[in-house]
Amino acid sequence: MIWASAGPDQTVNAAANGLAAVALNGSSSLDPRGVINAYVWSLSGNVIASGSNPVANLPIGTNPILLTLTDNQGQTAVDETTVVVLRPLVVTLTATPTNAPASPQTVQFTAQASGGGLFDSTDDHRGTITAQGENSASGEVATNAFDDVTGT
């Protein structure tokens, strides 16, 4: 008997091109009485990769990936994993003011992020973070950071 293991479900962010390079893992598959000759990974009936640990480029959305194994005796086994690809994380950063006649200059930076969803490190995981700081001869120092949703 042959056993297929397509690995755990995953959630990843897409790159700017709308695709995510995702490492698939079928290495826990097992054939105690034979040798696994083929690992075929498919999405919606289309082959997207082969091998026990390939990398596949997946589109934004929920991608049910099917792993089909064939061993040296012609037996087959299947397993499925789901890869959710989130929209790319896009960050817009603005600085005010953009120039000054002399230093030190206090500049306020404001950033707005959209898309993604995995790597938000703010306390409430939403909203805009505004940081204030100085750039002087001794370096840049952020003195305050504010989250527009919580005020922290």
N, C-alpha and C. Protein backbone atom coordinates (compact mmCIF):
# COMPACT_ATOMS: atom_id res chain seq x y z
N MET A 1 0.85 -1.19 0.00
CA MET A 1 0.00 0.00 0.00
C MET A 1 0.89 1.24 0.00
N ILE A 2 0.50 2.24 -0.73
CA ILE A 2 1.23 3.50 -0.85
C ILE A 2 0.41 4.60 -0.18
N TRP A 3 1.07 5.49 0.56
CA TRP A 3 0.39 6.59 1.25
C TRP A 3 0.94 7.92 0.77
N ALA A 4 0.04 8.81 0.37
CA ALA A 4 0.42 10.15 -0.08
C ALA A 4 0.21 11.14 1.06
N SER A 5 1.16 12.05 1.20
CA SER A 5 1.02 13.15 2.17
C SER A 5 1.46 14.43 1.47
N ALA A 6 0.49 15.31 1.22
CA ALA A 6 0.75 16.56 0.50
C ALA A 6 1.23 17.68 1.42
N GLY A 7 1.43 17.39 2.68
CA GLY A 7 1.92 18.41 3.61
C GLY A 7 0.80 19.27 4.16
N PRO A 8 1.16 20.17 5.08
CA PRO A 8 0.14 21.00 5.74
C PRO A 8 -0.40 22.09 4.82
N ASP A 9 -1.60 22.57 5.13
CA ASP A 9 -2.15 23.73 4.44
C ASP A 9 -1.27 24.94 4.74
N GLN A 10 -1.25 25.90 3.79
CA GLN A 10 -0.40 27.08 3.94
C GLN A 10 -1.17 28.34 3.58
N THR A 11 -0.77 29.46 4.17
CA THR A 11 -1.25 30.78 3.78
C THR A 11 -0.02 31.64 3.55
N VAL A 12 0.05 32.27 2.37
CA VAL A 12 1.22 33.07 1.99
C VAL A 12 0.76 34.35 1.30
N ASN A 13 1.65 35.33 1.22
CA ASN A 13 1.38 36.56 0.48
C ASN A 13 1.92 36.42 -0.94
N ALA A 14 1.19 36.97 -1.90
CA ALA A 14 1.65 37.01 -3.29
C ALA A 14 2.74 38.06 -3.44
N ALA A 15 3.55 37.90 -4.46
CA ALA A 15 4.53 38.92 -4.83
C ALA A 15 3.80 40.01 -5.63
N ALA A 16 4.52 41.05 -6.02
CA ALA A 16 3.92 42.15 -6.77
C ALA A 16 3.29 41.69 -8.08
N ASN A 17 3.77 40.59 -8.66
CA ASN A 17 3.22 40.09 -9.91
C ASN A 17 1.93 39.29 -9.72
N GLY A 18 1.45 39.15 -8.48
CA GLY A 18 0.21 38.44 -8.20
C GLY A 18 0.37 36.94 -8.03
N LEU A 19 1.61 36.46 -8.03
CA LEU A 19 1.87 35.03 -7.84
C LEU A 19 2.69 34.84 -6.57
N ALA A 20 2.59 33.65 -6.00
CA ALA A 20 3.42 33.29 -4.85
C ALA A 20 4.20 32.04 -5.19
N ALA A 21 5.50 32.06 -4.97
CA ALA A 21 6.33 30.87 -5.13
C ALA A 21 6.21 30.07 -3.84
N VAL A 22 5.56 28.92 -3.92
CA VAL A 22 5.22 28.13 -2.73
C VAL A 22 5.96 26.80 -2.76
N ALA A 23 6.62 26.49 -1.65
CA ALA A 23 7.30 25.20 -1.50
C ALA A 23 6.27 24.16 -1.08
N LEU A 24 6.11 23.14 -1.91
CA LEU A 24 5.22 22.03 -1.59
C LEU A 24 6.05 20.91 -0.99
N ASN A 25 5.43 20.08 -0.15
CA ASN A 25 6.22 19.07 0.56
C ASN A 25 5.49 17.73 0.62
N GLY A 26 5.93 16.81 -0.21
CA GLY A 26 5.37 15.47 -0.21
C GLY A 26 6.31 14.45 0.39
N SER A 27 7.33 14.93 1.12
CA SER A 27 8.38 14.04 1.62
C SER A 27 7.90 13.07 2.71
N SER A 28 6.74 13.30 3.28
CA SER A 28 6.21 12.36 4.29
C SER A 28 5.42 11.22 3.65
N SER A 29 5.31 11.23 2.33
CA SER A 29 4.64 10.14 1.64
C SER A 29 5.45 8.86 1.83
N LEU A 30 4.76 7.71 1.76
CA LEU A 30 5.42 6.46 2.11
C LEU A 30 4.93 5.31 1.24
N ASP A 31 5.86 4.44 0.87
CA ASP A 31 5.54 3.20 0.17
C ASP A 31 6.38 2.09 0.80
N PRO A 32 5.85 1.41 1.82
CA PRO A 32 6.65 0.43 2.55
C PRO A 32 7.04 -0.81 1.73
N ARG A 33 6.33 -1.10 0.65
CA ARG A 33 6.62 -2.30 -0.14
C ARG A 33 7.22 -2.00 -1.51
N GLY A 34 7.51 -0.76 -1.78
CA GLY A 34 8.01 -0.42 -3.10
C GLY A 34 8.74 0.91 -3.09
N VAL A 35 8.83 1.48 -4.29
CA VAL A 35 9.53 2.76 -4.46
C VAL A 35 8.57 3.73 -5.15
N ILE A 36 8.47 4.94 -4.63
CA ILE A 36 7.64 5.96 -5.28
C ILE A 36 8.40 6.46 -6.50
N ASN A 37 7.82 6.29 -7.67
CA ASN A 37 8.46 6.71 -8.92
C ASN A 37 8.05 8.10 -9.36
N ALA A 38 6.85 8.55 -9.00
CA ALA A 38 6.37 9.84 -9.50
C ALA A 38 5.56 10.57 -8.46
N TYR A 39 5.86 11.85 -8.33
CA TYR A 39 5.09 12.78 -7.52
C TYR A 39 4.56 13.81 -8.51
N VAL A 40 3.25 13.91 -8.67
CA VAL A 40 2.65 14.86 -9.60
C VAL A 40 1.70 15.76 -8.82
N TRP A 41 1.94 17.06 -8.90
CA TRP A 41 1.14 18.06 -8.20
C TRP A 41 0.24 18.75 -9.23
N SER A 42 -1.06 18.87 -8.93
CA SER A 42 -1.97 19.49 -9.90
C SER A 42 -2.93 20.46 -9.20
N LEU A 43 -3.39 21.41 -10.00
CA LEU A 43 -4.35 22.42 -9.57
C LEU A 43 -5.44 22.47 -10.64
N SER A 44 -6.66 22.20 -10.26
CA SER A 44 -7.80 22.21 -11.20
C SER A 44 -7.55 21.30 -12.40
N GLY A 45 -6.91 20.16 -12.16
CA GLY A 45 -6.66 19.20 -13.23
C GLY A 45 -5.43 19.48 -14.09
N ASN A 46 -4.73 20.57 -13.81
CA ASN A 46 -3.53 20.92 -14.57
C ASN A 46 -2.29 20.65 -13.74
N VAL A 47 -1.31 19.96 -14.33
CA VAL A 47 -0.06 19.67 -13.63
C VAL A 47 0.70 20.98 -13.43
N ILE A 48 1.10 21.23 -12.17
CA ILE A 48 1.84 22.46 -11.86
C ILE A 48 3.27 22.18 -11.40
N ALA A 49 3.57 20.93 -11.00
CA ALA A 49 4.91 20.61 -10.52
C ALA A 49 5.06 19.10 -10.42
N SER A 50 6.31 18.66 -10.27
CA SER A 50 6.60 17.25 -10.02
C SER A 50 7.76 17.17 -9.04
N GLY A 51 7.92 16.00 -8.44
CA GLY A 51 8.97 15.81 -7.44
C GLY A 51 8.40 15.88 -6.04
N SER A 52 9.18 15.41 -5.07
CA SER A 52 8.67 15.35 -3.70
C SER A 52 8.62 16.72 -3.01
N ASN A 53 9.50 17.65 -3.40
CA ASN A 53 9.55 18.97 -2.75
C ASN A 53 9.70 20.10 -3.78
N PRO A 54 8.74 20.26 -4.69
CA PRO A 54 8.89 21.31 -5.71
C PRO A 54 8.45 22.68 -5.20
N VAL A 55 8.74 23.68 -6.00
CA VAL A 55 8.22 25.03 -5.78
C VAL A 55 7.28 25.32 -6.94
N ALA A 56 6.07 25.77 -6.61
CA ALA A 56 5.06 26.08 -7.63
C ALA A 56 4.64 27.53 -7.51
N ASN A 57 4.41 28.19 -8.63
CA ASN A 57 3.89 29.56 -8.65
C ASN A 57 2.37 29.51 -8.68
N LEU A 58 1.75 30.03 -7.61
CA LEU A 58 0.31 29.94 -7.46
C LEU A 58 -0.33 31.32 -7.49
N PRO A 59 -1.56 31.41 -8.04
CA PRO A 59 -2.25 32.70 -8.12
C PRO A 59 -2.93 33.08 -6.80
N ILE A 60 -3.34 34.33 -6.71
CA ILE A 60 -4.09 34.82 -5.55
C ILE A 60 -5.39 34.04 -5.45
N GLY A 61 -5.73 33.64 -4.24
CA GLY A 61 -6.97 32.91 -4.00
C GLY A 61 -6.70 31.61 -3.24
N THR A 62 -7.73 30.79 -3.15
CA THR A 62 -7.62 29.50 -2.47
C THR A 62 -7.29 28.45 -3.52
N ASN A 63 -6.16 27.76 -3.33
CA ASN A 63 -5.66 26.79 -4.30
C ASN A 63 -5.63 25.39 -3.69
N PRO A 64 -6.62 24.53 -4.03
CA PRO A 64 -6.56 23.15 -3.58
C PRO A 64 -5.58 22.37 -4.48
N ILE A 65 -4.48 21.92 -3.90
CA ILE A 65 -3.43 21.25 -4.65
C ILE A 65 -3.52 19.75 -4.40
N LEU A 66 -3.57 18.98 -5.47
CA LEU A 66 -3.67 17.53 -5.38
C LEU A 66 -2.31 16.91 -5.67
N LEU A 67 -1.84 16.06 -4.77
CA LEU A 67 -0.61 15.27 -4.98
C LEU A 67 -1.03 13.86 -5.37
N THR A 68 -0.54 13.40 -6.51
CA THR A 68 -0.78 12.03 -6.96
C THR A 68 0.55 11.30 -7.04
N LEU A 69 0.64 10.17 -6.35
CA LEU A 69 1.85 9.35 -6.34
C LEU A 69 1.65 8.10 -7.19
N THR A 70 2.71 7.63 -7.81
CA THR A 70 2.71 6.33 -8.49
C THR A 70 3.98 5.61 -8.07
N ASP A 71 3.84 4.33 -7.71
CA ASP A 71 5.01 3.57 -7.29
C ASP A 71 5.46 2.60 -8.39
N ASN A 72 6.52 1.86 -8.11
CA ASN A 72 7.12 0.95 -9.09
C ASN A 72 6.23 -0.25 -9.41
N GLN A 73 5.14 -0.43 -8.67
CA GLN A 73 4.20 -1.53 -8.94
C GLN A 73 2.92 -1.03 -9.62
N GLY A 74 2.91 0.26 -9.96
CA GLY A 74 1.75 0.84 -10.63
C GLY A 74 0.64 1.29 -9.69
N GLN A 75 0.85 1.18 -8.39
CA GLN A 75 -0.16 1.64 -7.44
C GLN A 75 -0.12 3.17 -7.37
N THR A 76 -1.27 3.77 -7.07
CA THR A 76 -1.35 5.22 -6.92
C THR A 76 -1.99 5.57 -5.59
N ALA A 77 -1.72 6.78 -5.15
CA ALA A 77 -2.34 7.34 -3.95
C ALA A 77 -2.43 8.85 -4.14
N VAL A 78 -3.41 9.47 -3.50
CA VAL A 78 -3.60 10.91 -3.62
C VAL A 78 -3.80 11.53 -2.24
N ASP A 79 -3.42 12.81 -2.15
CA ASP A 79 -3.69 13.61 -0.96
C ASP A 79 -3.80 15.05 -1.43
N GLU A 80 -4.47 15.88 -0.62
CA GLU A 80 -4.68 17.27 -0.99
C GLU A 80 -4.20 18.20 0.11
N THR A 81 -3.64 19.32 -0.30
CA THR A 81 -3.31 20.41 0.61
C THR A 81 -3.91 21.67 0.01
N THR A 82 -4.20 22.63 0.85
CA THR A 82 -4.76 23.90 0.37
C THR A 82 -3.77 25.02 0.65
N VAL A 83 -3.50 25.81 -0.39
CA VAL A 83 -2.63 26.97 -0.25
C VAL A 83 -3.45 28.22 -0.55
N VAL A 84 -3.60 29.08 0.46
CA VAL A 84 -4.30 30.35 0.29
C VAL A 84 -3.25 31.41 0.00
N VAL A 85 -3.38 32.07 -1.15
CA VAL A 85 -2.46 33.13 -1.53
C VAL A 85 -3.18 34.46 -1.37
N LEU A 86 -2.66 35.29 -0.47
CA LEU A 86 -3.25 36.60 -0.20
C LEU A 86 -2.69 37.65 -1.17
N ARG A 87 -3.43 38.73 -1.33
CA ARG A 87 -2.96 39.83 -2.18
C ARG A 87 -1.59 40.32 -1.70
N PRO A 88 -0.79 40.89 -2.62
CA PRO A 88 0.52 41.40 -2.20
C PRO A 88 0.36 42.52 -1.18
N LEU A 89 1.32 42.61 -0.30
CA LEU A 89 1.36 43.70 0.66
C LEU A 89 1.92 44.92 -0.05
N VAL A 90 1.16 46.02 -0.05
CA VAL A 90 1.57 47.26 -0.70
C VAL A 90 1.65 48.33 0.39
N VAL A 91 2.77 49.02 0.47
CA VAL A 91 2.96 50.06 1.48
C VAL A 91 3.26 51.38 0.78
N THR A 92 2.52 52.42 1.17
CA THR A 92 2.77 53.76 0.67
C THR A 92 3.33 54.59 1.82
N LEU A 93 4.47 55.22 1.60
CA LEU A 93 5.15 56.00 2.63
C LEU A 93 5.26 57.44 2.18
N THR A 94 4.88 58.38 3.06
CA THR A 94 5.04 59.79 2.77
C THR A 94 5.81 60.45 3.89
N ALA A 95 6.53 61.51 3.56
CA ALA A 95 7.31 62.26 4.54
C ALA A 95 6.93 63.73 4.46
N THR A 96 6.78 64.38 5.64
CA THR A 96 6.43 65.79 5.68
C THR A 96 7.30 66.48 6.73
N PRO A 97 7.98 67.54 6.45
CA PRO A 97 8.23 68.11 5.13
C PRO A 97 9.26 67.27 4.37
N THR A 98 9.39 67.53 3.07
CA THR A 98 10.33 66.77 2.25
C THR A 98 11.70 67.43 2.19
N ASN A 99 11.81 68.70 2.57
CA ASN A 99 13.12 69.36 2.63
C ASN A 99 13.05 70.54 3.59
N ALA A 100 14.22 71.05 3.98
CA ALA A 100 14.28 72.17 4.92
C ALA A 100 15.56 72.95 4.67
N PRO A 101 15.58 74.24 5.07
CA PRO A 101 16.77 75.05 4.82
C PRO A 101 17.96 74.68 5.71
N ALA A 102 17.73 74.06 6.85
CA ALA A 102 18.84 73.75 7.76
C ALA A 102 18.48 72.52 8.60
N SER A 103 19.52 71.92 9.19
CA SER A 103 19.26 70.79 10.07
C SER A 103 19.48 71.24 11.51
N PRO A 104 18.99 70.57 12.50
CA PRO A 104 18.23 69.34 12.35
C PRO A 104 16.83 69.61 11.83
N GLN A 105 16.30 68.65 11.12
CA GLN A 105 14.97 68.75 10.54
C GLN A 105 14.09 67.66 11.14
N THR A 106 12.95 68.02 11.63
CA THR A 106 11.99 67.03 12.11
C THR A 106 11.09 66.65 10.94
N VAL A 107 11.01 65.36 10.69
CA VAL A 107 10.21 64.85 9.58
C VAL A 107 9.19 63.86 10.12
N GLN A 108 7.97 63.97 9.66
CA GLN A 108 6.94 63.02 10.05
C GLN A 108 6.72 62.06 8.88
N PHE A 109 6.80 60.77 9.16
CA PHE A 109 6.57 59.74 8.16
C PHE A 109 5.21 59.11 8.43
N THR A 110 4.45 58.89 7.38
CA THR A 110 3.18 58.21 7.49
C THR A 110 3.17 57.08 6.47
N ALA A 111 2.76 55.91 6.89
CA ALA A 111 2.69 54.75 5.99
C ALA A 111 1.30 54.16 6.01
N GLN A 112 0.87 53.70 4.87
CA GLN A 112 -0.42 53.02 4.76
C GLN A 112 -0.18 51.71 4.03
N ALA A 113 -0.61 50.62 4.62
CA ALA A 113 -0.44 49.30 4.01
C ALA A 113 -1.80 48.75 3.59
N SER A 114 -1.79 47.99 2.51
CA SER A 114 -3.00 47.31 2.07
C SER A 114 -2.61 45.96 1.48
N GLY A 115 -3.57 45.07 1.41
CA GLY A 115 -3.30 43.73 0.90
C GLY A 115 -2.62 42.90 1.96
N GLY A 116 -2.04 41.80 1.53
CA GLY A 116 -1.31 40.94 2.45
C GLY A 116 -2.20 40.44 3.56
N GLY A 117 -1.69 40.51 4.76
CA GLY A 117 -2.46 40.05 5.89
C GLY A 117 -1.67 39.19 6.85
N LEU A 118 -0.45 38.82 6.48
CA LEU A 118 0.31 37.93 7.35
C LEU A 118 1.29 38.64 8.26
N PHE A 119 1.81 39.77 7.85
CA PHE A 119 2.97 40.31 8.54
C PHE A 119 2.74 41.67 9.17
N ASP A 120 1.51 41.94 9.61
CA ASP A 120 1.20 43.19 10.29
C ASP A 120 1.66 43.06 11.73
N SER A 121 2.59 43.90 12.14
CA SER A 121 3.14 43.78 13.49
C SER A 121 2.60 44.84 14.44
N THR A 122 1.55 45.56 14.05
CA THR A 122 0.99 46.55 14.96
C THR A 122 0.18 45.86 16.05
N ASP A 123 -0.18 46.63 17.06
CA ASP A 123 -0.89 46.02 18.17
C ASP A 123 -2.30 45.56 17.81
N ASP A 124 -2.96 46.24 16.87
CA ASP A 124 -4.32 45.85 16.53
C ASP A 124 -4.44 45.29 15.12
N HIS A 125 -3.36 45.24 14.37
CA HIS A 125 -3.31 44.64 13.04
C HIS A 125 -4.20 45.33 12.01
N ARG A 126 -4.42 46.63 12.18
CA ARG A 126 -5.18 47.39 11.19
C ARG A 126 -4.87 48.86 11.36
N GLY A 127 -5.18 49.67 10.38
CA GLY A 127 -5.02 51.10 10.49
C GLY A 127 -3.69 51.60 9.96
N THR A 128 -3.40 52.85 10.29
CA THR A 128 -2.20 53.54 9.83
C THR A 128 -1.29 53.80 11.01
N ILE A 129 0.00 53.55 10.84
CA ILE A 129 0.99 53.87 11.86
C ILE A 129 1.70 55.15 11.43
N THR A 130 1.77 56.12 12.32
CA THR A 130 2.48 57.36 12.06
C THR A 130 3.64 57.44 13.04
N ALA A 131 4.86 57.67 12.53
CA ALA A 131 6.04 57.78 13.39
C ALA A 131 6.62 59.17 13.23
N GLN A 132 7.12 59.72 14.33
CA GLN A 132 7.79 61.01 14.30
C GLN A 132 9.22 60.81 14.78
N GLY A 133 10.17 61.53 14.19
CA GLY A 133 11.55 61.38 14.60
C GLY A 133 12.41 62.49 14.06
N GLU A 134 13.72 62.36 14.28
CA GLU A 134 14.68 63.36 13.83
C GLU A 134 15.82 62.71 13.08
N ASN A 135 16.36 63.46 12.12
CA ASN A 135 17.56 63.05 11.41
C ASN A 135 18.59 64.13 11.68
N SER A 136 19.62 63.79 12.45
CA SER A 136 20.66 64.77 12.79
C SER A 136 22.02 64.16 12.47
N ALA A 137 23.08 64.89 12.81
CA ALA A 137 24.43 64.40 12.55
C ALA A 137 24.71 63.08 13.26
N SER A 138 24.03 62.82 14.35
CA SER A 138 24.26 61.58 15.09
C SER A 138 23.39 60.42 14.59
N GLY A 139 22.51 60.66 13.62
CA GLY A 139 21.70 59.58 13.07
C GLY A 139 20.22 59.88 13.17
N GLU A 140 19.43 58.89 12.77
CA GLU A 140 17.98 59.04 12.79
C GLU A 140 17.40 58.42 14.06
N VAL A 141 16.46 59.13 14.65
CA VAL A 141 15.84 58.66 15.88
C VAL A 141 14.33 58.82 15.77
N ALA A 142 13.59 57.73 15.96
CA ALA A 142 12.12 57.82 16.01
C ALA A 142 11.75 58.10 17.46
N THR A 143 10.99 59.18 17.66
CA THR A 143 10.63 59.57 19.02
C THR A 143 9.23 59.16 19.41
N ASN A 144 8.32 59.02 18.46
CA ASN A 144 6.93 58.65 18.76
C ASN A 144 6.39 57.81 17.63
N ALA A 145 5.48 56.92 17.94
CA ALA A 145 4.75 56.17 16.93
C ALA A 145 3.31 56.10 17.36
N PHE A 146 2.39 56.36 16.44
CA PHE A 146 0.98 56.39 16.76
C PHE A 146 0.22 55.49 15.81
N ASP A 147 -0.71 54.74 16.33
CA ASP A 147 -1.61 53.90 15.54
C ASP A 147 -2.94 54.63 15.51
N ASP A 148 -3.44 54.97 14.32
CA ASP A 148 -4.67 55.77 14.24
C ASP A 148 -5.91 55.06 14.75
N VAL A 149 -5.85 53.75 14.93
CA VAL A 149 -7.02 53.02 15.41
C VAL A 149 -7.08 52.98 16.93
N THR A 150 -5.92 52.80 17.57
CA THR A 150 -5.92 52.66 19.03
C THR A 150 -5.36 53.87 19.75
N GLY A 151 -4.65 54.75 19.02
CA GLY A 151 -4.04 55.90 19.67
C GLY A 151 -2.81 55.56 20.45
N THR A 152 -2.22 54.39 20.22
CA THR A 152 -1.02 54.00 20.96
C THR A 152 0.21 54.12 20.10
